[in-house]
Amino acid sequence: MSAYVVFFKESTHDQAEVDAYLASVRDTFEGHPAKILAAYGEQQVLEGAAPEGVVVIEFPTAADARSCGRASLQGRNLPRRSRGRDLRVGR
């Protein structure tokens, strides 16, 4: 069964840090069966406050999502991921 990871960018504090992270974020998924379904597109908020942006990533299985998450936590991009913004992530 497919698994999804959803990133909610709540607010930006340092756009230069966010840009530096985004420039190399695809490397995080190298070797993992990740498919980006949505990235910072139009949102229709039905309830609550709207985040600045949303990213939805699909994986073939929950195990694949966890494996990519573990690799991401060990990668060089981790410090940058939240340095320039407030971010929530769910799986």
C-alpha atoms as a PDB file:
ATOM      1  CA  MET A   1       0.000   0.000   0.000  1.00  0.00           C
ATOM      2  CA  SER A   2       1.291   3.479  -0.839  1.00  0.00           C
ATOM      3  CA  ALA A   3       2.495   5.790   1.924  1.00  0.00           C
ATOM      4  CA  TYR A   4       2.618   9.575   1.881  1.00  0.00           C
ATOM      5  CA  VAL A   5       4.801  12.133   3.609  1.00  0.00           C
ATOM      6  CA  VAL A   6       3.343  15.625   3.912  1.00  0.00           C
ATOM      7  CA  PHE A   7       5.402  18.736   4.672  1.00  0.00           C
ATOM      8  CA  PHE A   8       3.636  21.883   5.888  1.00  0.00           C
ATOM      9  CA  LYS A   9       5.714  25.058   5.691  1.00  0.00           C
ATOM     10  CA  GLU A  10       4.092  27.275   8.307  1.00  0.00           C
ATOM     11  CA  SER A  11       6.281  30.375   8.018  1.00  0.00           C
ATOM     12  CA  THR A  12       9.610  31.530   6.573  1.00  0.00           C
ATOM     13  CA  HIS A  13      12.272  33.228   8.682  1.00  0.00           C
ATOM     14  CA  ASP A  14      15.252  33.160   6.307  1.00  0.00           C
ATOM     15  CA  GLN A  15      14.504  32.768   2.594  1.00  0.00           C
ATOM     16  CA  ALA A  16      18.195  32.321   1.719  1.00  0.00           C
ATOM     17  CA  GLU A  17      18.346  29.195   3.953  1.00  0.00           C
ATOM     18  CA  VAL A  18      15.153  27.849   2.409  1.00  0.00           C
ATOM     19  CA  ASP A  19      16.522  28.439  -1.105  1.00  0.00           C
ATOM     20  CA  ALA A  20      19.805  26.688  -0.236  1.00  0.00           C
ATOM     21  CA  TYR A  21      17.871  23.692   1.095  1.00  0.00           C
ATOM     22  CA  LEU A  22      15.563  23.517  -1.921  1.00  0.00           C
ATOM     23  CA  ALA A  23      18.527  23.669  -4.329  1.00  0.00           C
ATOM     24  CA  SER A  24      19.831  20.336  -3.031  1.00  0.00           C
ATOM     25  CA  VAL A  25      16.727  18.616  -1.653  1.00  0.00           C
ATOM     26  CA  ARG A  26      16.343  16.252  -4.627  1.00  0.00           C
ATOM     27  CA  ASP A  27      19.626  14.598  -3.587  1.00  0.00           C
ATOM     28  CA  THR A  28      17.812  13.492  -0.425  1.00  0.00           C
ATOM     29  CA  PHE A  29      15.569  11.237  -2.503  1.00  0.00           C
ATOM     30  CA  GLU A  30      18.284   9.708  -4.669  1.00  0.00           C
ATOM     31  CA  GLY A  31      18.057   5.932  -4.468  1.00  0.00           C
ATOM     32  CA  HIS A  32      14.572   6.052  -2.930  1.00  0.00           C
ATOM     33  CA  PRO A  33      11.316   5.391  -4.813  1.00  0.00           C
ATOM     34  CA  ALA A  34       9.848   8.810  -4.019  1.00  0.00           C
ATOM     35  CA  LYS A  35       7.358  10.587  -6.243  1.00  0.00           C
ATOM     36  CA  ILE A  36       6.591  14.246  -5.561  1.00  0.00           C
ATOM     37  CA  LEU A  37       2.854  14.642  -6.088  1.00  0.00           C
ATOM     38  CA  ALA A  38       2.472  18.286  -5.089  1.00  0.00           C
ATOM     39  CA  ALA A  39       4.887  21.063  -4.213  1.00  0.00           C
ATOM     40  CA  TYR A  40       3.807  24.547  -3.198  1.00  0.00           C
ATOM     41  CA  GLY A  41       0.817  24.632  -5.529  1.00  0.00           C
ATOM     42  CA  GLU A  42      -2.553  26.239  -5.023  1.00  0.00           C
ATOM     43  CA  GLN A  43      -4.290  25.292  -1.793  1.00  0.00           C
ATOM     44  CA  GLN A  44      -7.928  25.149  -0.844  1.00  0.00           C
ATOM     45  CA  VAL A  45      -7.980  25.319   2.945  1.00  0.00           C
ATOM     46  CA  LEU A  46     -11.178  23.905   4.369  1.00  0.00           C
ATOM     47  CA  GLU A  47     -10.448  24.434   8.040  1.00  0.00           C
ATOM     48  CA  GLY A  48      -7.836  26.253  10.124  1.00  0.00           C
ATOM     49  CA  ALA A  49      -5.043  28.581   9.099  1.00  0.00           C
ATOM     50  CA  ALA A  50      -3.379  28.097   5.719  1.00  0.00           C
ATOM     51  CA  PRO A  51       0.297  27.129   5.683  1.00  0.00           C
ATOM     52  CA  GLU A  52       2.661  28.985   3.347  1.00  0.00           C
ATOM     53  CA  GLY A  53       3.187  25.808   1.382  1.00  0.00           C
ATOM     54  CA  VAL A  54       2.560  22.080   1.240  1.00  0.00           C
ATOM     55  CA  VAL A  55       4.586  19.244  -0.303  1.00  0.00           C
ATOM     56  CA  VAL A  56       3.173  15.721  -0.713  1.00  0.00           C
ATOM     57  CA  ILE A  57       5.510  12.827  -1.506  1.00  0.00           C
ATOM     58  CA  GLU A  58       4.345   9.303  -2.359  1.00  0.00           C
ATOM     59  CA  PHE A  59       6.280   6.111  -1.608  1.00  0.00           C
ATOM     60  CA  PRO A  60       5.323   2.575  -2.657  1.00  0.00           C
ATOM     61  CA  THR A  61       5.254   1.411   0.984  1.00  0.00           C
ATOM     62  CA  ALA A  62       5.529   2.788   4.517  1.00  0.00           C
ATOM     63  CA  ALA A  63       8.867   0.986   4.812  1.00  0.00           C
ATOM     64  CA  ASP A  64      10.169   2.949   1.803  1.00  0.00           C
ATOM     65  CA  ALA A  65       9.019   6.206   3.406  1.00  0.00           C
ATOM     66  CA  ARG A  66      10.745   5.317   6.690  1.00  0.00           C
ATOM     67  CA  SER A  67      13.950   4.354   4.879  1.00  0.00           C
ATOM     68  CA  CYS A  68      14.050   7.674   3.041  1.00  0.00           C
ATOM     69  CA  GLY A  69      13.292   9.496   6.291  1.00  0.00           C
ATOM     70  CA  ARG A  70      16.172   7.790   8.076  1.00  0.00           C
ATOM     71  CA  ALA A  71      18.532   8.659   5.211  1.00  0.00           C
ATOM     72  CA  SER A  72      17.287  12.254   5.322  1.00  0.00           C
ATOM     73  CA  LEU A  73      17.981  12.494   9.049  1.00  0.00           C
ATOM     74  CA  GLN A  74      21.571  11.454   8.409  1.00  0.00           C
ATOM     75  CA  GLY A  75      22.051  13.751   5.410  1.00  0.00           C
ATOM     76  CA  ARG A  76      23.734  17.105   5.088  1.00  0.00           C
ATOM     77  CA  ASN A  77      20.436  18.879   4.398  1.00  0.00           C
ATOM     78  CA  LEU A  78      18.879  18.150   7.786  1.00  0.00           C
ATOM     79  CA  PRO A  79      20.152  21.291   9.548  1.00  0.00           C
ATOM     80  CA  ARG A  80      18.929  23.438   6.672  1.00  0.00           C
ATOM     81  CA  ARG A  81      15.495  21.834   6.453  1.00  0.00           C
ATOM     82  CA  SER A  82      14.107  23.802   9.377  1.00  0.00           C
ATOM     83  CA  ARG A  83      16.716  26.520   9.885  1.00  0.00           C
ATOM     84  CA  GLY A  84      14.960  29.087   7.696  1.00  0.00           C
ATOM     85  CA  ARG A  85      11.347  28.170   8.423  1.00  0.00           C
ATOM     86  CA  ASP A  86       8.818  26.600  10.734  1.00  0.00           C
ATOM     87  CA  LEU A  87       7.939  23.196   9.332  1.00  0.00           C
ATOM     88  CA  ARG A  88       5.647  20.297  10.256  1.00  0.00           C
ATOM     89  CA  VAL A  89       6.015  16.840   8.717  1.00  0.00           C
ATOM     90  CA  GLY A  90       3.591  13.937   8.878  1.00  0.00           C
ATOM     91  CA  ARG A  91       3.473  10.431   7.525  1.00  0.00           C
END
